[in-house]
Amino acid sequence: MKCREGCGACCIAPSISSPIPGMPDGKAAGQRCLQLSAENLCRIFGQPDRPAVCSAFDADPEVCGNSSEEAIRLIGWWEQMTAA
């Protein structure tokens, strides 16, 4: 599956514990990443300071569903199921 351009769910729904430019402590689940543009595009895509967890994310129907809204719900569910 290819990412849906302008979705942004993977930049909102999950927690990210590694530093992000402008967010040295990462971000909480449900918090919008500061590097996500108004168009829901990553401002640091392909840059060396993009967190490895972001670069490693692969869109998948099981995680992303059929819409951005469904992706937010599914990623949020996965976040809760895998929280320590």
PDB file of N, CA and C in Angstrom:
ATOM      1  N   MET A   1       0.849  -1.184   0.000  1.00  0.00           N
ATOM      2  CA  MET A   1       0.000   0.000   0.000  1.00  0.00           C
ATOM      3  C   MET A   1       0.887   1.237   0.000  1.00  0.00           C
ATOM      4  N   LYS A   2       0.501   2.242  -0.757  1.00  0.00           N
ATOM      5  CA  LYS A   2       1.191   3.524  -0.722  1.00  0.00           C
ATOM      6  C   LYS A   2       0.487   4.437   0.271  1.00  0.00           C
ATOM      7  N   CYS A   3       1.238   5.318   0.895  1.00  0.00           N
ATOM      8  CA  CYS A   3       0.629   6.300   1.795  1.00  0.00           C
ATOM      9  C   CYS A   3      -0.356   7.165   1.025  1.00  0.00           C
ATOM     10  N   ARG A   4      -1.425   7.551   1.711  1.00  0.00           N
ATOM     11  CA  ARG A   4      -2.364   8.513   1.134  1.00  0.00           C
ATOM     12  C   ARG A   4      -1.792   9.904   1.382  1.00  0.00           C
ATOM     13  N   GLU A   5      -1.416  10.589   0.327  1.00  0.00           N
ATOM     14  CA  GLU A   5      -0.844  11.924   0.489  1.00  0.00           C
ATOM     15  C   GLU A   5      -1.842  12.819   1.203  1.00  0.00           C
ATOM     16  N   GLY A   6      -1.344  13.509   2.224  1.00  0.00           N
ATOM     17  CA  GLY A   6      -2.193  14.409   2.995  1.00  0.00           C
ATOM     18  C   GLY A   6      -2.974  13.731   4.096  1.00  0.00           C
ATOM     19  N   CYS A   7      -2.672  12.471   4.397  1.00  0.00           N
ATOM     20  CA  CYS A   7      -3.376  11.737   5.465  1.00  0.00           C
ATOM     21  C   CYS A   7      -2.912  12.247   6.832  1.00  0.00           C
ATOM     22  N   GLY A   8      -1.630  12.080   7.122  1.00  0.00           N
ATOM     23  CA  GLY A   8      -1.056  12.574   8.373  1.00  0.00           C
ATOM     24  C   GLY A   8      -1.363  11.767   9.616  1.00  0.00           C
ATOM     25  N   ALA A   9      -2.136  10.703   9.507  1.00  0.00           N
ATOM     26  CA  ALA A   9      -2.520   9.929  10.692  1.00  0.00           C
ATOM     27  C   ALA A   9      -1.311   9.403  11.456  1.00  0.00           C
ATOM     28  N   CYS A  10      -0.280   8.959  10.737  1.00  0.00           N
ATOM     29  CA  CYS A  10       0.904   8.405  11.404  1.00  0.00           C
ATOM     30  C   CYS A  10       1.726   9.491  12.093  1.00  0.00           C
ATOM     31  N   CYS A  11       1.405  10.748  11.835  1.00  0.00           N
ATOM     32  CA  CYS A  11       2.084  11.871  12.474  1.00  0.00           C
ATOM     33  C   CYS A  11       1.246  12.464  13.608  1.00  0.00           C
ATOM     34  N   ILE A  12       0.087  11.870  13.836  1.00  0.00           N
ATOM     35  CA  ILE A  12      -0.816  12.349  14.888  1.00  0.00           C
ATOM     36  C   ILE A  12      -1.103  11.249  15.907  1.00  0.00           C
ATOM     37  N   ALA A  13      -1.564  10.103  15.446  1.00  0.00           N
ATOM     38  CA  ALA A  13      -2.083   9.066  16.346  1.00  0.00           C
ATOM     39  C   ALA A  13      -1.046   8.412  17.258  1.00  0.00           C
ATOM     40  N   PRO A  14       0.126   8.017  16.760  1.00  0.00           N
ATOM     41  CA  PRO A  14       1.043   7.283  17.653  1.00  0.00           C
ATOM     42  C   PRO A  14       1.896   8.208  18.517  1.00  0.00           C
ATOM     43  N   SER A  15       2.368   7.646  19.630  1.00  0.00           N
ATOM     44  CA  SER A  15       3.385   8.352  20.406  1.00  0.00           C
ATOM     45  C   SER A  15       4.723   8.125  19.700  1.00  0.00           C
ATOM     46  N   ILE A  16       5.600   9.081  19.826  1.00  0.00           N
ATOM     47  CA  ILE A  16       6.957   8.959  19.278  1.00  0.00           C
ATOM     48  C   ILE A  16       7.897   9.380  20.402  1.00  0.00           C
ATOM     49  N   SER A  17       8.718   8.453  20.855  1.00  0.00           N
ATOM     50  CA  SER A  17       9.577   8.726  22.015  1.00  0.00           C
ATOM     51  C   SER A  17      10.910   9.352  21.642  1.00  0.00           C
ATOM     52  N   SER A  18      11.295   9.275  20.398  1.00  0.00           N
ATOM     53  CA  SER A  18      12.576   9.861  19.995  1.00  0.00           C
ATOM     54  C   SER A  18      12.398  11.343  19.674  1.00  0.00           C
ATOM     55  N   PRO A  19      13.486  12.107  19.764  1.00  0.00           N
ATOM     56  CA  PRO A  19      13.401  13.543  19.486  1.00  0.00           C
ATOM     57  C   PRO A  19      12.975  13.830  18.047  1.00  0.00           C
ATOM     58  N   ILE A  20      12.185  14.869  17.913  1.00  0.00           N
ATOM     59  CA  ILE A  20      11.728  15.392  16.627  1.00  0.00           C
ATOM     60  C   ILE A  20      12.141  16.859  16.624  1.00  0.00           C
ATOM     61  N   PRO A  21      12.619  17.414  15.517  1.00  0.00           N
ATOM     62  CA  PRO A  21      12.942  18.843  15.520  1.00  0.00           C
ATOM     63  C   PRO A  21      11.762  19.677  16.043  1.00  0.00           C
ATOM     64  N   GLY A  22      12.029  20.447  17.074  1.00  0.00           N
ATOM     65  CA  GLY A  22      10.998  21.253  17.715  1.00  0.00           C
ATOM     66  C   GLY A  22      10.263  20.528  18.830  1.00  0.00           C
ATOM     67  N   MET A  23      10.503  19.231  18.961  1.00  0.00           N
ATOM     68  CA  MET A  23       9.869  18.408  19.993  1.00  0.00           C
ATOM     69  C   MET A  23      10.946  17.480  20.569  1.00  0.00           C
ATOM     70  N   PRO A  24      11.845  18.013  21.391  1.00  0.00           N
ATOM     71  CA  PRO A  24      12.999  17.234  21.856  1.00  0.00           C
ATOM     72  C   PRO A  24      12.640  15.993  22.667  1.00  0.00           C
ATOM     73  N   ASP A  25      11.439  15.950  23.240  1.00  0.00           N
ATOM     74  CA  ASP A  25      11.019  14.794  24.020  1.00  0.00           C
ATOM     75  C   ASP A  25      10.071  13.888  23.241  1.00  0.00           C
ATOM     76  N   GLY A  26       9.989  14.095  21.930  1.00  0.00           N
ATOM     77  CA  GLY A  26       9.054  13.327  21.126  1.00  0.00           C
ATOM     78  C   GLY A  26       7.650  13.889  21.270  1.00  0.00           C
ATOM     79  N   LYS A  27       6.648  13.036  21.063  1.00  0.00           N
ATOM     80  CA  LYS A  27       5.265  13.498  21.177  1.00  0.00           C
ATOM     81  C   LYS A  27       4.385  12.405  21.743  1.00  0.00           C
ATOM     82  N   ALA A  28       3.312  12.824  22.360  1.00  0.00           N
ATOM     83  CA  ALA A  28       2.336  11.899  22.936  1.00  0.00           C
ATOM     84  C   ALA A  28       1.374  11.405  21.856  1.00  0.00           C
ATOM     85  N   ALA A  29       0.767  10.263  22.097  1.00  0.00           N
ATOM     86  CA  ALA A  29      -0.257   9.743  21.189  1.00  0.00           C
ATOM     87  C   ALA A  29      -1.385  10.759  21.078  1.00  0.00           C
ATOM     88  N   GLY A  30      -1.835  10.993  19.865  1.00  0.00           N
ATOM     89  CA  GLY A  30      -2.909  11.941  19.623  1.00  0.00           C
ATOM     90  C   GLY A  30      -2.460  13.382  19.455  1.00  0.00           C
ATOM     91  N   GLN A  31      -1.202  13.652  19.739  1.00  0.00           N
ATOM     92  CA  GLN A  31      -0.649  14.999  19.582  1.00  0.00           C
ATOM     93  C   GLN A  31      -0.135  15.159  18.158  1.00  0.00           C
ATOM     94  N   ARG A  32      -0.458  16.255  17.535  1.00  0.00           N
ATOM     95  CA  ARG A  32      -0.003  16.532  16.174  1.00  0.00           C
ATOM     96  C   ARG A  32       1.485  16.874  16.197  1.00  0.00           C
ATOM     97  N   CYS A  33       2.260  16.241  15.330  1.00  0.00           N
ATOM     98  CA  CYS A  33       3.686  16.535  15.234  1.00  0.00           C
ATOM     99  C   CYS A  33       3.865  17.961  14.710  1.00  0.00           C
ATOM    100  N   LEU A  34       4.812  18.684  15.287  1.00  0.00           N
ATOM    101  CA  LEU A  34       5.082  20.053  14.832  1.00  0.00           C
ATOM    102  C   LEU A  34       5.605  20.097  13.400  1.00  0.00           C
ATOM    103  N   GLN A  35       6.131  18.980  12.921  1.00  0.00           N
ATOM    104  CA  GLN A  35       6.670  18.937  11.564  1.00  0.00           C
ATOM    105  C   GLN A  35       5.614  18.559  10.516  1.00  0.00           C
ATOM    106  N   LEU A  36       4.375  18.410  10.936  1.00  0.00           N
ATOM    107  CA  LEU A  36       3.287  18.104  10.013  1.00  0.00           C
ATOM    108  C   LEU A  36       2.680  19.417   9.530  1.00  0.00           C
ATOM    109  N   SER A  37       2.721  19.623   8.220  1.00  0.00           N
ATOM    110  CA  SER A  37       2.230  20.886   7.645  1.00  0.00           C
ATOM    111  C   SER A  37       0.703  20.957   7.690  1.00  0.00           C
ATOM    112  N   ALA A  38       0.164  22.113   7.364  1.00  0.00           N
ATOM    113  CA  ALA A  38      -1.283  22.303   7.300  1.00  0.00           C
ATOM    114  C   ALA A  38      -1.901  21.373   6.263  1.00  0.00           C
ATOM    115  N   GLU A  39      -1.112  20.972   5.275  1.00  0.00           N
ATOM    116  CA  GLU A  39      -1.574  20.047   4.236  1.00  0.00           C
ATOM    117  C   GLU A  39      -1.369  18.589   4.648  1.00  0.00           C
ATOM    118  N   ASN A  40      -0.967  18.367   5.899  1.00  0.00           N
ATOM    119  CA  ASN A  40      -0.683  17.029   6.435  1.00  0.00           C
ATOM    120  C   ASN A  40       0.450  16.333   5.690  1.00  0.00           C
ATOM    121  N   LEU A  41       1.489  17.075   5.399  1.00  0.00           N
ATOM    122  CA  LEU A  41       2.702  16.533   4.787  1.00  0.00           C
ATOM    123  C   LEU A  41       3.856  16.754   5.748  1.00  0.00           C
ATOM    124  N   CYS A  42       4.779  15.798   5.794  1.00  0.00           N
ATOM    125  CA  CYS A  42       5.935  15.889   6.686  1.00  0.00           C
ATOM    126  C   CYS A  42       6.936  16.900   6.140  1.00  0.00           C
ATOM    127  N   ARG A  43       7.256  17.899   6.950  1.00  0.00           N
ATOM    128  CA  ARG A  43       8.219  18.929   6.551  1.00  0.00           C
ATOM    129  C   ARG A  43       9.658  18.410   6.531  1.00  0.00           C
ATOM    130  N   ILE A  44       9.917  17.297   7.233  1.00  0.00           N
ATOM    131  CA  ILE A  44      11.290  16.788   7.322  1.00  0.00           C
ATOM    132  C   ILE A  44      11.434  15.435   6.633  1.00  0.00           C
ATOM    133  N   PHE A  45      10.494  15.102   5.756  1.00  0.00           N
ATOM    134  CA  PHE A  45      10.550  13.837   5.021  1.00  0.00           C
ATOM    135  C   PHE A  45      11.876  13.754   4.263  1.00  0.00           C
ATOM    136  N   GLY A  46      12.594  12.649   4.424  1.00  0.00           N
ATOM    137  CA  GLY A  46      13.867  12.440   3.746  1.00  0.00           C
ATOM    138  C   GLY A  46      15.048  13.151   4.381  1.00  0.00           C
ATOM    139  N   GLN A  47      14.819  13.888   5.465  1.00  0.00           N
ATOM    140  CA  GLN A  47      15.895  14.609   6.132  1.00  0.00           C
ATOM    141  C   GLN A  47      16.544  13.723   7.201  1.00  0.00           C
ATOM    142  N   PRO A  48      17.822  13.939   7.486  1.00  0.00           N
ATOM    143  CA  PRO A  48      18.507  13.082   8.465  1.00  0.00           C
ATOM    144  C   PRO A  48      17.979  13.237   9.891  1.00  0.00           C
ATOM    145  N   ASP A  49      17.328  14.356  10.217  1.00  0.00           N
ATOM    146  CA  ASP A  49      16.827  14.534  11.584  1.00  0.00           C
ATOM    147  C   ASP A  49      15.402  14.001  11.767  1.00  0.00           C
ATOM    148  N   ARG A  50      14.861  13.375  10.735  1.00  0.00           N
ATOM    149  CA  ARG A  50      13.550  12.711  10.865  1.00  0.00           C
ATOM    150  C   ARG A  50      13.753  11.454  11.703  1.00  0.00           C
ATOM    151  N   PRO A  51      12.907  11.221  12.706  1.00  0.00           N
ATOM    152  CA  PRO A  51      13.080  10.038  13.558  1.00  0.00           C
ATOM    153  C   PRO A  51      13.070   8.733  12.755  1.00  0.00           C
ATOM    154  N   ALA A  52      13.900   7.800  13.170  1.00  0.00           N
ATOM    155  CA  ALA A  52      13.993   6.505  12.492  1.00  0.00           C
ATOM    156  C   ALA A  52      12.652   5.784  12.482  1.00  0.00           C
ATOM    157  N   VAL A  53      11.882   5.913  13.546  1.00  0.00           N
ATOM    158  CA  VAL A  53      10.581   5.252  13.609  1.00  0.00           C
ATOM    159  C   VAL A  53       9.662   5.781  12.505  1.00  0.00           C
ATOM    160  N   CYS A  54       9.785   7.038  12.174  1.00  0.00           N
ATOM    161  CA  CYS A  54       8.975   7.624  11.096  1.00  0.00           C
ATOM    162  C   CYS A  54       9.445   7.102   9.737  1.00  0.00           C
ATOM    163  N   SER A  55      10.740   7.079   9.553  1.00  0.00           N
ATOM    164  CA  SER A  55      11.288   6.590   8.286  1.00  0.00           C
ATOM    165  C   SER A  55      10.973   5.120   8.059  1.00  0.00           C
ATOM    166  N   ALA A  56      10.862   4.363   9.137  1.00  0.00           N
ATOM    167  CA  ALA A  56      10.622   2.928   9.025  1.00  0.00           C
ATOM    168  C   ALA A  56       9.146   2.572   8.844  1.00  0.00           C
ATOM    169  N   PHE A  57       8.256   3.522   9.045  1.00  0.00           N
ATOM    170  CA  PHE A  57       6.828   3.231   8.937  1.00  0.00           C
ATOM    171  C   PHE A  57       6.457   2.898   7.502  1.00  0.00           C
ATOM    172  N   ASP A  58       5.742   1.795   7.326  1.00  0.00           N
ATOM    173  CA  ASP A  58       5.224   1.397   6.018  1.00  0.00           C
ATOM    174  C   ASP A  58       3.705   1.357   6.096  1.00  0.00           C
ATOM    175  N   ALA A  59       3.066   2.054   5.185  1.00  0.00           N
ATOM    176  CA  ALA A  59       1.604   2.029   5.141  1.00  0.00           C
ATOM    177  C   ALA A  59       1.129   0.610   4.882  1.00  0.00           C
ATOM    178  N   ASP A  60       0.052   0.232   5.556  1.00  0.00           N
ATOM    179  CA  ASP A  60      -0.515  -1.101   5.415  1.00  0.00           C
ATOM    180  C   ASP A  60      -2.011  -0.981   5.680  1.00  0.00           C
ATOM    181  N   PRO A  61      -2.834  -1.670   4.899  1.00  0.00           N
ATOM    182  CA  PRO A  61      -4.279  -1.575   5.113  1.00  0.00           C
ATOM    183  C   PRO A  61      -4.718  -1.921   6.538  1.00  0.00           C
ATOM    184  N   GLU A  62      -4.010  -2.833   7.192  1.00  0.00           N
ATOM    185  CA  GLU A  62      -4.362  -3.220   8.564  1.00  0.00           C
ATOM    186  C   GLU A  62      -4.167  -2.061   9.543  1.00  0.00           C
ATOM    187  N   VAL A  63      -3.239  -1.187   9.234  1.00  0.00           N
ATOM    188  CA  VAL A  63      -2.943  -0.053  10.099  1.00  0.00           C
ATOM    189  C   VAL A  63      -3.616   1.226   9.595  1.00  0.00           C
ATOM    190  N   CYS A  64      -3.700   1.381   8.293  1.00  0.00           N
ATOM    191  CA  CYS A  64      -4.164   2.639   7.700  1.00  0.00           C
ATOM    192  C   CYS A  64      -5.620   2.633   7.258  1.00  0.00           C
ATOM    193  N   GLY A  65      -6.220   1.457   7.148  1.00  0.00           N
ATOM    194  CA  GLY A  65      -7.615   1.394   6.744  1.00  0.00           C
ATOM    195  C   GLY A  65      -7.857   1.981   5.366  1.00  0.00           C
ATOM    196  N   ASN A  66      -9.055   2.537   5.191  1.00  0.00           N
ATOM    197  CA  ASN A  66      -9.476   3.061   3.896  1.00  0.00           C
ATOM    198  C   ASN A  66      -9.571   4.577   3.835  1.00  0.00           C
ATOM    199  N   SER A  67      -9.267   5.243   4.945  1.00  0.00           N
ATOM    200  CA  SER A  67      -9.359   6.710   4.975  1.00  0.00           C
ATOM    201  C   SER A  67      -8.453   7.247   6.080  1.00  0.00           C
ATOM    202  N   SER A  68      -8.232   8.533   6.057  1.00  0.00           N
ATOM    203  CA  SER A  68      -7.429   9.169   7.108  1.00  0.00           C
ATOM    204  C   SER A  68      -8.096   9.005   8.470  1.00  0.00           C
ATOM    205  N   GLU A  69      -9.415   9.149   8.501  1.00  0.00           N
ATOM    206  CA  GLU A  69     -10.151   9.015   9.759  1.00  0.00           C
ATOM    207  C   GLU A  69     -10.024   7.603  10.320  1.00  0.00           C
ATOM    208  N   GLU A  70     -10.141   6.622   9.428  1.00  0.00           N
ATOM    209  CA  GLU A  70      -9.991   5.237   9.872  1.00  0.00           C
ATOM    210  C   GLU A  70      -8.561   4.978  10.341  1.00  0.00           C
ATOM    211  N   ALA A  71      -7.585   5.561   9.666  1.00  0.00           N
ATOM    212  CA  ALA A  71      -6.180   5.403  10.067  1.00  0.00           C
ATOM    213  C   ALA A  71      -5.952   5.959  11.464  1.00  0.00           C
ATOM    214  N   ILE A  72      -6.535   7.120  11.766  1.00  0.00           N
ATOM    215  CA  ILE A  72      -6.400   7.691  13.116  1.00  0.00           C
ATOM    216  C   ILE A  72      -6.953   6.709  14.149  1.00  0.00           C
ATOM    217  N   ARG A  73      -8.123   6.142  13.882  1.00  0.00           N
ATOM    218  CA  ARG A  73      -8.728   5.185  14.817  1.00  0.00           C
ATOM    219  C   ARG A  73      -7.874   3.919  14.949  1.00  0.00           C
ATOM    220  N   LEU A  74      -7.441   3.358  13.814  1.00  0.00           N
ATOM    221  CA  LEU A  74      -6.670   2.114  13.854  1.00  0.00           C
ATOM    222  C   LEU A  74      -5.307   2.304  14.511  1.00  0.00           C
ATOM    223  N   ILE A  75      -4.603   3.346  14.136  1.00  0.00           N
ATOM    224  CA  ILE A  75      -3.284   3.585  14.740  1.00  0.00           C
ATOM    225  C   ILE A  75      -3.441   3.867  16.226  1.00  0.00           C
ATOM    226  N   GLY A  76      -4.496   4.592  16.591  1.00  0.00           N
ATOM    227  CA  GLY A  76      -4.773   4.835  18.011  1.00  0.00           C
ATOM    228  C   GLY A  76      -5.036   3.538  18.753  1.00  0.00           C
ATOM    229  N   TRP A  77      -5.792   2.625  18.117  1.00  0.00           N
ATOM    230  CA  TRP A  77      -6.054   1.323  18.723  1.00  0.00           C
ATOM    231  C   TRP A  77      -4.755   0.547  18.897  1.00  0.00           C
ATOM    232  N   TRP A  78      -3.915   0.482  17.845  1.00  0.00           N
ATOM    233  CA  TRP A  78      -2.620  -0.212  17.937  1.00  0.00           C
ATOM    234  C   TRP A  78      -1.768   0.407  19.039  1.00  0.00           C
ATOM    235  N   GLU A  79      -1.804   1.722  19.156  1.00  0.00           N
ATOM    236  CA  GLU A  79      -1.049   2.424  20.204  1.00  0.00           C
ATOM    237  C   GLU A  79      -1.490   1.925  21.591  1.00  0.00           C
ATOM    238  N   GLN A  80      -2.785   1.843  21.810  1.00  0.00           N
ATOM    239  CA  GLN A  80      -3.294   1.389  23.102  1.00  0.00           C
ATOM    240  C   GLN A  80      -2.961  -0.081  23.368  1.00  0.00           C
ATOM    241  N   MET A  81      -3.030  -0.906  22.347  1.00  0.00           N
ATOM    242  CA  MET A  81      -2.783  -2.339  22.497  1.00  0.00           C
ATOM    243  C   MET A  81      -1.319  -2.652  22.756  1.00  0.00           C
ATOM    244  N   THR A  82      -0.423  -1.773  22.327  1.00  0.00           N
ATOM    245  CA  THR A  82       1.012  -2.034  22.479  1.00  0.00           C
ATOM    246  C   THR A  82       1.663  -1.165  23.541  1.00  0.00           C
ATOM    247  N   ALA A  83       0.893  -0.328  24.218  1.00  0.00           N
ATOM    248  CA  ALA A  83       1.450   0.552  25.268  1.00  0.00           C
ATOM    249  C   ALA A  83       1.959  -0.293  26.421  1.00  0.00           C
ATOM    250  N   ALA A  84       3.082   0.136  26.935  1.00  0.00           N
ATOM    251  CA  ALA A  84       3.695  -0.611  28.042  1.00  0.00           C
ATOM    252  C   ALA A  84       2.979  -0.378  29.350  1.00  0.00           C
TER     253      ALA A  84
END
